[in-house]
Amino acid sequence: MTTVLPPGHPATAPASCTPQAGTPQAGAPLPACRFCGRELTHPFVDLGMSPLCETFLTADQLNRPEVFYPLHVRVCASCFLVQLEEYVPAHEIFTEYAYFSSYSTSWVEHARKYVEMISARAGLGPGSLVVELASNDGYLLQHFLPRRIPVLGIEPAANVARAAAARGIPTRVEFFGAAAADRLRKEGRAADLIIGNNVLAQVPDLNDFVAGMKVLLAPGGLVTLEFPHLVRLIAGNQFDTIYHEHYSYFSLTTASRILGQHGLQVIDVEELSTHGGSLRLYARHAGAAAGQGPAVTALLAREAELGIARMEYYAAFGARVQETKRMLLAFLIAARESGRRVAGYGAPGKGNTLLNYCGIRTDFLDYTVDRNPYKHGKYLPGTHIPIFEVDRIEATRPDYLLILPWNLRDEIMAQTSSIRAWGGKHVVPIPAVEVLG
């Protein structure tokens, strides 16, 4: 359903009317930090106006108005949480969702390796309970089943939860927070392991969410959280990972502070290659833990040295983003002028941020393809680029294939290596435009 807003509503303003970063609209109150409540006076990056990145359109919606929301990110000068305002309530985004984790082969393998590791590390067995928050289609919990380890998924998107149930994974369709955790405890359930992979960024009420983990965690239980590392986002110019579904962007420094505020202590951390560079945090109840491990101490020190607690660290990011936009448009213009055809691979959230920010539509990108049948026959939000099945590539033989989920570049290049037969080349846009022979 497309929402039509009245003239003058801020969500209907075109991208050209978006104020410059750091220039608040006259009379508009500044938002408050979702963790500590401080007024957010410092800009991080302004990506203009964009629709929700997972609202794929059907053909009969192409002539109707779309709602665009600001992608203006700020950083808190007190706790250094980088964040986007909650322009859209979570229930409007996640009640039905187009992202199914199982369509990424490498991500499913990442989950399998995690289950193998954590089962041994946490000493899990038939008497344990594993709870995954935002469990999606069961891509991860499925790997516990052959080990006879009881699991429970909590997933707000009913359409995605049905896919998990079909795998035999018990799944509750609800948003997680303190109230949901309290209901589970009253049923006699306490989690020996709580998993939160790429969900912390998607939570508008951080304090309620983390408080819920504290309630649900068994006295000797373990929490593991994975999320993209803000340090890697900045270093890798990964501005396209900013979209309305991601409310917050975390350093270890800030994540540790948030968990600590709710009685959870980070005891270990790993740096991962997933999603352009992520962290995996291990946490226990404060007081029950052995204490902060050496990996945590070392990474906190490194973040401090980089300047994570100084506003100067965040100030130059916007200019780098603008330069990347110019480089990508220059490449696409040159390709068009020379008669070359460019197609896209993937329809991820990050791709929609990139395309809308850069103003790339079918004048530059003929179409995109995706492995997820849910998206076939639909159109990207904002840009209206059509989405086809992957075999469209072989049928049309584009000169360039723009990889929108660039974090999966190796997997996608292997899957589409046949484009070399007609001289086709892969292109990645982040951190800068690169043509791969």
Protein backbone atom coordinates (compact mmCIF):
# COMPACT_ATOMS: atom_id res chain seq x y z
CA MET A 1 0.00 0.00 0.00
CA THR A 2 1.36 3.42 -0.95
CA THR A 3 0.76 6.22 1.54
CA VAL A 4 -0.21 9.62 0.16
CA LEU A 5 0.78 12.50 2.39
CA PRO A 6 -0.62 16.03 2.19
CA PRO A 7 1.34 18.77 0.41
CA GLY A 8 3.95 20.31 2.66
CA HIS A 9 4.55 17.15 4.72
CA PRO A 10 8.37 16.81 5.15
CA ALA A 11 8.30 13.26 3.79
CA THR A 12 7.06 14.51 0.40
CA ALA A 13 9.92 16.93 -0.19
CA PRO A 14 12.13 16.08 -3.21
CA ALA A 15 15.80 15.33 -2.65
CA SER A 16 16.79 18.73 -4.07
CA CYS A 17 14.90 20.41 -1.22
CA THR A 18 16.83 18.55 1.46
CA PRO A 19 18.74 20.92 3.79
CA GLN A 20 22.52 20.66 3.80
CA ALA A 21 24.05 18.47 6.48
CA GLY A 22 24.14 20.27 9.79
CA THR A 23 21.53 22.85 8.74
CA PRO A 24 18.33 22.17 10.70
CA GLN A 25 15.04 23.33 9.23
CA ALA A 26 13.77 26.54 10.75
CA GLY A 27 11.84 25.85 13.92
CA ALA A 28 12.47 22.09 13.79
CA PRO A 29 13.51 20.71 17.17
CA LEU A 30 16.65 18.59 17.19
CA PRO A 31 16.17 14.89 17.94
CA ALA A 32 17.42 13.31 21.16
CA CYS A 33 19.85 10.39 21.43
CA ARG A 34 17.93 7.12 21.68
CA PHE A 35 20.31 5.84 24.36
CA CYS A 36 21.30 8.72 26.63
CA GLY A 37 18.71 11.36 25.66
CA ARG A 38 21.15 14.15 24.80
CA GLU A 39 20.16 16.57 22.01
CA LEU A 40 21.82 15.57 18.73
CA THR A 41 23.61 18.67 17.47
CA HIS A 42 26.38 17.04 15.41
CA PRO A 43 25.79 15.82 11.82
CA PHE A 44 27.49 12.69 10.51
CA VAL A 45 26.19 12.48 6.92
CA ASP A 46 23.11 13.65 5.01
CA LEU A 47 22.05 11.33 2.17
CA GLY A 48 19.02 13.38 1.18
CA MET A 49 15.59 11.76 0.89
CA SER A 50 14.94 8.08 0.29
CA PRO A 51 12.03 5.62 0.42
CA LEU A 52 12.08 2.60 2.72
CA CYS A 53 14.63 0.29 1.18
CA GLU A 54 12.56 -2.91 1.38
CA THR A 55 9.29 -1.52 -0.03
CA PHE A 56 9.50 -3.14 -3.46
CA LEU A 57 6.83 -1.96 -5.87
CA THR A 58 4.45 -3.87 -8.12
CA ALA A 59 3.73 -2.65 -11.64
CA ASP A 60 0.41 -1.07 -10.66
CA GLN A 61 2.17 1.06 -8.01
CA LEU A 62 4.59 2.76 -10.38
CA ASN A 63 2.19 5.63 -11.16
CA ARG A 64 1.37 6.32 -7.53
CA PRO A 65 3.14 8.65 -5.10
CA GLU A 66 5.92 7.22 -2.93
CA VAL A 67 6.88 8.39 0.52
CA PHE A 68 10.47 9.58 0.93
CA TYR A 69 12.06 10.15 4.34
CA PRO A 70 15.26 11.96 5.32
CA LEU A 71 18.47 9.96 5.62
CA HIS A 72 20.18 12.48 7.88
CA VAL A 73 22.48 10.75 10.35
CA ARG A 74 23.78 12.40 13.51
CA VAL A 75 26.26 11.48 16.24
CA CYS A 76 25.73 11.95 19.97
CA ALA A 77 28.42 14.06 21.59
CA SER A 78 27.90 12.28 24.91
CA CYS A 79 27.80 8.53 24.19
CA PHE A 80 28.98 8.68 20.53
CA LEU A 81 26.08 6.63 19.22
CA VAL A 82 25.69 7.33 15.49
CA GLN A 83 22.00 7.25 14.67
CA LEU A 84 19.12 8.02 12.38
CA GLU A 85 15.81 9.38 13.61
CA GLU A 86 12.89 6.97 13.85
CA TYR A 87 10.99 8.42 10.92
CA VAL A 88 9.00 5.20 10.51
CA PRO A 89 7.80 2.96 13.37
CA ALA A 90 9.45 -0.47 13.40
CA HIS A 91 6.13 -2.28 13.03
CA GLU A 92 5.58 -0.56 9.67
CA ILE A 93 8.94 -1.81 8.40
CA PHE A 94 9.32 -5.27 9.85
CA THR A 95 5.81 -6.75 10.05
CA GLU A 96 6.33 -8.05 6.51
CA TYR A 97 9.89 -8.10 5.23
CA ALA A 98 11.52 -8.90 1.90
CA TYR A 99 14.89 -10.07 3.20
CA PHE A 100 15.40 -13.83 3.56
CA SER A 101 18.84 -14.71 4.95
CA SER A 102 18.96 -18.17 3.41
CA TYR A 103 19.43 -16.80 -0.13
CA SER A 104 23.03 -15.91 0.72
CA THR A 105 25.09 -19.10 0.59
CA SER A 106 28.04 -17.49 2.37
CA TRP A 107 25.83 -16.14 5.17
CA VAL A 108 24.30 -19.56 5.81
CA GLU A 109 27.80 -21.02 5.98
CA HIS A 110 28.82 -18.25 8.39
CA ALA A 111 25.89 -19.28 10.59
CA ARG A 112 26.82 -22.97 10.43
CA LYS A 113 30.39 -22.27 11.55
CA TYR A 114 29.09 -20.07 14.36
CA VAL A 115 26.79 -22.83 15.65
CA GLU A 116 29.64 -25.33 15.62
CA MET A 117 31.86 -22.93 17.57
CA ILE A 118 29.32 -21.64 20.09
CA SER A 119 27.89 -25.07 20.91
CA ALA A 120 31.30 -26.11 22.19
CA ARG A 121 32.22 -22.79 23.78
CA ALA A 122 28.95 -22.44 25.71
CA GLY A 123 28.65 -26.16 26.49
CA LEU A 124 25.20 -26.41 24.91
CA GLY A 125 23.21 -29.63 24.94
CA PRO A 126 19.68 -31.10 25.05
CA GLY A 127 18.99 -29.34 28.35
CA SER A 128 19.89 -25.88 27.03
CA LEU A 129 17.74 -23.21 25.40
CA VAL A 130 18.99 -21.06 22.53
CA VAL A 131 16.94 -17.96 21.63
CA GLU A 132 17.66 -15.94 18.51
CA LEU A 133 16.29 -12.41 18.27
CA ALA A 134 15.22 -11.49 14.73
CA SER A 135 15.66 -15.11 13.69
CA ASN A 136 14.55 -14.45 10.08
CA ASP A 137 13.85 -17.63 8.08
CA GLY A 138 15.73 -20.00 10.39
CA TYR A 139 19.01 -19.70 8.48
CA LEU A 140 20.97 -20.03 11.77
CA LEU A 141 18.78 -21.96 14.21
CA GLN A 142 18.41 -24.81 11.72
CA HIS A 143 22.02 -25.80 12.46
CA PHE A 144 21.21 -26.50 16.13
CA LEU A 145 18.51 -29.04 15.29
CA PRO A 146 20.82 -31.96 14.35
CA ARG A 147 22.61 -31.37 17.67
CA ARG A 148 19.31 -31.80 19.57
CA ILE A 149 19.74 -28.39 21.18
CA PRO A 150 16.33 -26.73 21.85
CA VAL A 151 15.82 -23.43 20.05
CA LEU A 152 13.30 -20.60 19.87
CA GLY A 153 13.18 -17.90 17.24
CA ILE A 154 11.64 -14.47 17.82
CA GLU A 155 10.86 -12.75 14.52
CA PRO A 156 8.46 -9.83 13.91
CA ALA A 157 7.95 -10.48 10.17
CA ALA A 158 5.20 -13.09 9.81
CA ASN A 159 6.03 -13.93 6.19
CA VAL A 160 9.67 -14.66 7.10
CA ALA A 161 8.71 -16.56 10.27
CA ARG A 162 6.58 -18.93 8.20
CA ALA A 163 9.71 -20.01 6.31
CA ALA A 164 11.39 -20.80 9.64
CA ALA A 165 8.38 -22.79 10.85
CA ALA A 166 8.53 -24.83 7.65
CA ARG A 167 12.05 -25.85 8.71
CA GLY A 168 10.72 -27.11 12.02
CA ILE A 169 11.97 -24.14 14.03
CA PRO A 170 9.56 -22.89 16.73
CA THR A 171 9.16 -19.17 16.13
CA ARG A 172 7.22 -16.44 17.91
CA VAL A 173 6.00 -13.61 15.71
CA GLU A 174 6.59 -10.52 17.84
CA PHE A 175 9.00 -7.70 18.57
CA PHE A 176 11.43 -8.42 21.37
CA GLY A 177 11.80 -6.23 24.42
CA ALA A 178 11.43 -6.30 28.20
CA ALA A 179 7.74 -7.27 28.04
CA ALA A 180 8.36 -10.21 25.68
CA ALA A 181 11.25 -11.38 27.87
CA ASP A 182 9.10 -11.17 30.98
CA ARG A 183 6.40 -13.32 29.36
CA LEU A 184 8.97 -16.00 28.52
CA ARG A 185 10.35 -16.00 32.05
CA LYS A 186 6.85 -16.42 33.45
CA GLU A 187 6.54 -19.49 31.23
CA GLY A 188 9.64 -20.87 32.93
CA ARG A 189 11.99 -20.16 30.03
CA ALA A 190 15.46 -18.71 30.48
CA ALA A 191 18.01 -18.58 27.67
CA ASP A 192 21.41 -20.20 28.02
CA LEU A 193 22.37 -18.44 24.79
CA ILE A 194 20.82 -15.32 23.28
CA ILE A 195 21.82 -14.58 19.69
CA GLY A 196 21.35 -11.22 18.00
CA ASN A 197 22.85 -11.10 14.51
CA ASN A 198 22.43 -7.78 12.73
CA VAL A 199 19.42 -6.83 14.82
CA LEU A 200 20.82 -4.28 17.29
CA ALA A 201 21.00 -1.66 14.54
CA GLN A 202 17.34 -2.26 13.70
CA VAL A 203 15.98 -1.52 17.17
CA PRO A 204 14.53 1.96 17.76
CA ASP A 205 14.17 1.46 21.55
CA LEU A 206 17.65 0.27 22.45
CA ASN A 207 17.15 0.49 26.18
CA ASP A 208 14.04 -1.70 26.13
CA PHE A 209 15.69 -4.26 23.85
CA VAL A 210 18.85 -4.63 25.93
CA ALA A 211 16.84 -4.67 29.16
CA GLY A 212 14.89 -7.60 27.68
CA MET A 213 18.09 -9.55 27.08
CA LYS A 214 19.05 -9.03 30.72
CA VAL A 215 15.67 -10.40 31.82
CA LEU A 216 15.72 -13.43 29.53
CA LEU A 217 19.33 -14.50 30.09
CA ALA A 218 19.85 -17.41 32.50
CA PRO A 219 22.23 -16.73 35.43
CA GLY A 220 25.16 -18.45 33.69
CA GLY A 221 24.00 -17.62 30.17
CA LEU A 222 25.83 -15.98 27.29
CA VAL A 223 24.80 -13.28 24.80
CA THR A 224 26.42 -12.92 21.39
CA LEU A 225 25.69 -9.92 19.19
CA GLU A 226 26.93 -9.25 15.68
CA PHE A 227 26.68 -5.88 13.98
CA PRO A 228 28.62 -3.83 11.41
CA HIS A 229 31.51 -2.01 13.06
CA LEU A 230 31.24 1.77 12.82
CA VAL A 231 35.02 2.02 12.50
CA ARG A 232 34.90 -0.14 9.37
CA LEU A 233 31.91 1.80 8.01
CA ILE A 234 33.90 5.02 8.22
CA ALA A 235 37.20 3.58 6.98
CA GLY A 236 35.51 1.73 4.10
CA ASN A 237 33.22 4.60 3.07
CA GLN A 238 30.23 2.29 3.53
CA PHE A 239 27.55 4.98 3.47
CA ASP A 240 25.14 2.71 1.59
CA THR A 241 24.67 0.61 4.73
CA ILE A 242 22.70 3.58 6.08
CA TYR A 243 18.96 3.21 5.57
CA HIS A 244 15.78 3.63 7.57
CA GLU A 245 15.75 0.02 8.76
CA HIS A 246 19.07 0.72 10.50
CA TYR A 247 18.44 3.14 13.32
CA SER A 248 21.92 3.00 14.93
CA TYR A 249 25.58 2.37 14.06
CA PHE A 250 27.92 1.06 16.76
CA SER A 251 31.49 1.18 17.91
CA LEU A 252 32.60 -1.25 20.59
CA THR A 253 32.96 1.74 22.90
CA THR A 254 29.29 2.70 22.64
CA ALA A 255 27.90 -0.85 22.49
CA SER A 256 29.77 -1.77 25.69
CA ARG A 257 28.38 1.29 27.41
CA ILE A 258 24.80 0.46 26.39
CA LEU A 259 25.08 -3.15 27.57
CA GLY A 260 26.76 -2.07 30.80
CA GLN A 261 23.95 0.35 31.57
CA HIS A 262 21.62 -2.66 31.68
CA GLY A 263 23.78 -5.00 33.74
CA LEU A 264 25.52 -6.90 30.93
CA GLN A 265 29.30 -6.97 30.63
CA VAL A 266 31.19 -7.50 27.37
CA ILE A 267 33.79 -10.18 28.05
CA ASP A 268 35.13 -10.87 24.56
CA VAL A 269 35.00 -9.51 21.01
CA GLU A 270 35.91 -10.80 17.57
CA GLU A 271 36.41 -8.80 14.39
CA LEU A 272 34.64 -10.42 11.42
CA SER A 273 34.74 -9.84 7.68
CA THR A 274 30.95 -10.08 7.23
CA HIS A 275 28.95 -7.08 6.00
CA GLY A 276 32.08 -5.13 5.19
CA GLY A 277 33.51 -5.61 8.69
CA SER A 278 31.53 -6.57 11.78
CA LEU A 279 32.02 -7.20 15.47
CA ARG A 280 30.86 -10.22 17.42
CA LEU A 281 30.42 -9.36 21.10
CA TYR A 282 30.18 -11.89 23.92
CA ALA A 283 28.44 -10.70 27.09
CA ARG A 284 27.31 -12.12 30.44
CA HIS A 285 25.55 -10.79 33.50
CA ALA A 286 27.75 -8.22 35.19
CA GLY A 287 29.26 -9.73 38.30
CA ALA A 288 28.86 -13.27 36.99
CA ALA A 289 31.46 -12.70 34.29
CA ALA A 290 35.18 -13.35 34.57
CA GLY A 291 35.81 -9.76 33.49
CA GLN A 292 36.76 -7.88 30.37
CA GLY A 293 39.00 -9.98 28.15
CA PRO A 294 42.19 -8.78 26.46
CA ALA A 295 40.56 -8.53 23.01
CA VAL A 296 38.00 -6.08 24.42
CA THR A 297 40.67 -4.00 26.11
CA ALA A 298 42.77 -3.86 22.95
CA LEU A 299 39.91 -2.85 20.64
CA LEU A 300 38.65 -0.18 23.06
CA ALA A 301 42.17 1.25 23.13
CA ARG A 302 42.36 1.21 19.34
CA GLU A 303 39.03 2.99 19.01
CA ALA A 304 40.18 5.61 21.50
CA GLU A 305 43.37 6.15 19.50
CA LEU A 306 41.35 6.58 16.29
CA GLY A 307 39.33 9.30 18.01
CA ILE A 308 35.99 7.60 18.59
CA ALA A 309 35.29 10.09 21.40
CA ARG A 310 36.19 13.18 19.35
CA MET A 311 33.82 14.88 16.94
CA GLU A 312 36.67 15.44 14.48
CA TYR A 313 36.65 11.70 13.75
CA TYR A 314 33.17 11.95 12.23
CA ALA A 315 33.41 15.32 10.50
CA ALA A 316 35.04 14.39 7.17
CA PHE A 317 32.79 11.47 6.27
CA GLY A 318 30.19 13.47 4.33
CA ALA A 319 32.73 14.91 1.88
CA ARG A 320 34.06 11.43 1.06
CA VAL A 321 30.53 10.22 0.37
CA GLN A 322 29.92 13.04 -2.10
CA GLU A 323 33.14 12.19 -3.94
CA THR A 324 32.06 8.54 -4.27
CA LYS A 325 28.75 9.66 -5.78
CA ARG A 326 30.56 11.77 -8.39
CA MET A 327 32.90 8.89 -9.29
CA LEU A 328 30.06 6.39 -9.75
CA LEU A 329 28.02 8.77 -11.89
CA ALA A 330 31.09 9.58 -14.02
CA PHE A 331 31.60 5.85 -14.67
CA LEU A 332 27.95 5.28 -15.60
CA ILE A 333 27.83 8.35 -17.85
CA ALA A 334 30.97 7.21 -19.68
CA ALA A 335 29.55 3.70 -20.08
CA ARG A 336 26.30 5.04 -21.56
CA GLU A 337 28.07 7.45 -23.92
CA SER A 338 30.23 4.62 -25.24
CA GLY A 339 27.19 2.40 -25.87
CA ARG A 340 27.93 -0.04 -23.02
CA ARG A 341 25.08 -1.68 -21.13
CA VAL A 342 25.06 -1.91 -17.33
CA ALA A 343 22.91 -4.25 -15.25
CA GLY A 344 22.77 -4.70 -11.50
CA TYR A 345 23.13 -7.77 -9.33
CA GLY A 346 21.07 -7.87 -6.15
CA ALA A 347 18.29 -5.81 -4.62
CA PRO A 348 19.62 -5.24 -1.09
CA GLY A 349 18.82 -2.38 1.25
CA LYS A 350 22.28 -0.92 0.73
CA GLY A 351 21.75 -0.92 -3.03
CA ASN A 352 18.60 1.13 -2.72
CA THR A 353 20.37 3.73 -0.57
CA LEU A 354 23.17 3.97 -3.13
CA LEU A 355 20.88 4.25 -6.16
CA ASN A 356 18.51 6.78 -4.63
CA TYR A 357 21.28 8.96 -3.23
CA CYS A 358 23.09 8.99 -6.57
CA GLY A 359 19.91 9.42 -8.63
CA ILE A 360 20.55 6.26 -10.65
CA ARG A 361 17.51 4.95 -12.52
CA THR A 362 16.95 3.00 -15.73
CA ASP A 363 18.73 5.74 -17.68
CA PHE A 364 21.93 4.27 -16.20
CA LEU A 365 21.01 0.77 -14.96
CA ASP A 366 18.89 -1.38 -17.31
CA TYR A 367 17.68 -3.74 -14.59
CA THR A 368 18.85 -5.74 -11.60
CA VAL A 369 18.54 -9.43 -10.71
CA ASP A 370 18.11 -11.24 -7.42
CA ARG A 371 18.02 -14.84 -6.19
CA ASN A 372 15.00 -14.16 -3.97
CA PRO A 373 11.75 -15.06 -5.81
CA TYR A 374 9.87 -12.67 -3.50
CA LYS A 375 11.40 -9.75 -5.44
CA HIS A 376 10.99 -11.03 -9.00
CA GLY A 377 8.66 -8.97 -11.18
CA LYS A 378 8.83 -6.04 -8.77
CA TYR A 379 10.63 -2.70 -8.92
CA LEU A 380 13.17 -1.02 -6.68
CA PRO A 381 11.73 1.72 -4.45
CA GLY A 382 12.33 5.24 -5.66
CA THR A 383 14.32 4.36 -8.77
CA HIS A 384 11.76 1.94 -10.28
CA ILE A 385 14.48 -0.32 -11.70
CA PRO A 386 12.93 -3.71 -12.55
CA ILE A 387 14.03 -6.88 -10.74
CA PHE A 388 14.41 -10.11 -12.70
CA GLU A 389 15.60 -13.64 -12.14
CA VAL A 390 19.35 -14.23 -12.37
CA ASP A 391 19.12 -15.90 -15.80
CA ARG A 392 18.27 -12.47 -17.25
CA ILE A 393 22.03 -11.82 -17.28
CA GLU A 394 22.72 -14.63 -19.74
CA ALA A 395 19.78 -13.57 -21.92
CA THR A 396 20.86 -9.92 -22.27
CA ARG A 397 24.67 -10.13 -21.88
CA PRO A 398 25.41 -6.73 -20.28
CA ASP A 399 28.89 -5.25 -20.57
CA TYR A 400 29.06 -4.46 -16.87
CA LEU A 401 27.43 -6.08 -13.84
CA LEU A 402 27.19 -3.65 -10.91
CA ILE A 403 27.33 -5.66 -7.68
CA LEU A 404 25.05 -3.86 -5.23
CA PRO A 405 25.65 -6.22 -2.24
CA TRP A 406 29.39 -5.57 -2.57
CA ASN A 407 30.04 -7.34 0.74
CA LEU A 408 29.23 -10.58 -1.14
CA ARG A 409 31.40 -9.74 -4.14
CA ASP A 410 33.41 -12.97 -4.14
CA GLU A 411 30.30 -15.13 -3.89
CA ILE A 412 28.51 -13.19 -6.64
CA MET A 413 31.52 -13.08 -8.97
CA ALA A 414 31.81 -16.86 -8.69
CA GLN A 415 28.09 -17.33 -9.40
CA THR A 416 28.22 -15.05 -12.46
CA SER A 417 31.67 -15.89 -13.83
CA SER A 418 30.05 -16.76 -17.19
CA ILE A 419 29.87 -13.04 -18.08
CA ARG A 420 33.57 -13.25 -18.99
CA ALA A 421 32.59 -15.34 -22.02
CA TRP A 422 31.28 -12.21 -23.77
CA GLY A 423 33.79 -9.80 -22.23
CA GLY A 424 31.56 -8.71 -19.37
CA LYS A 425 33.09 -7.23 -16.26
CA HIS A 426 32.03 -6.88 -12.64
CA VAL A 427 31.90 -3.49 -10.95
CA VAL A 428 31.75 -2.65 -7.24
CA PRO A 429 30.82 0.87 -6.08
CA ILE A 430 32.18 0.83 -2.51
CA PRO A 431 34.57 2.08 -1.12
CA ALA A 432 35.21 3.53 -4.57
CA VAL A 433 34.23 2.48 -8.08
CA GLU A 434 36.32 -0.50 -9.18
CA VAL A 435 36.04 -2.45 -12.43
CA LEU A 436 37.08 -6.07 -11.93
CA GLY A 437 38.39 -7.90 -14.99
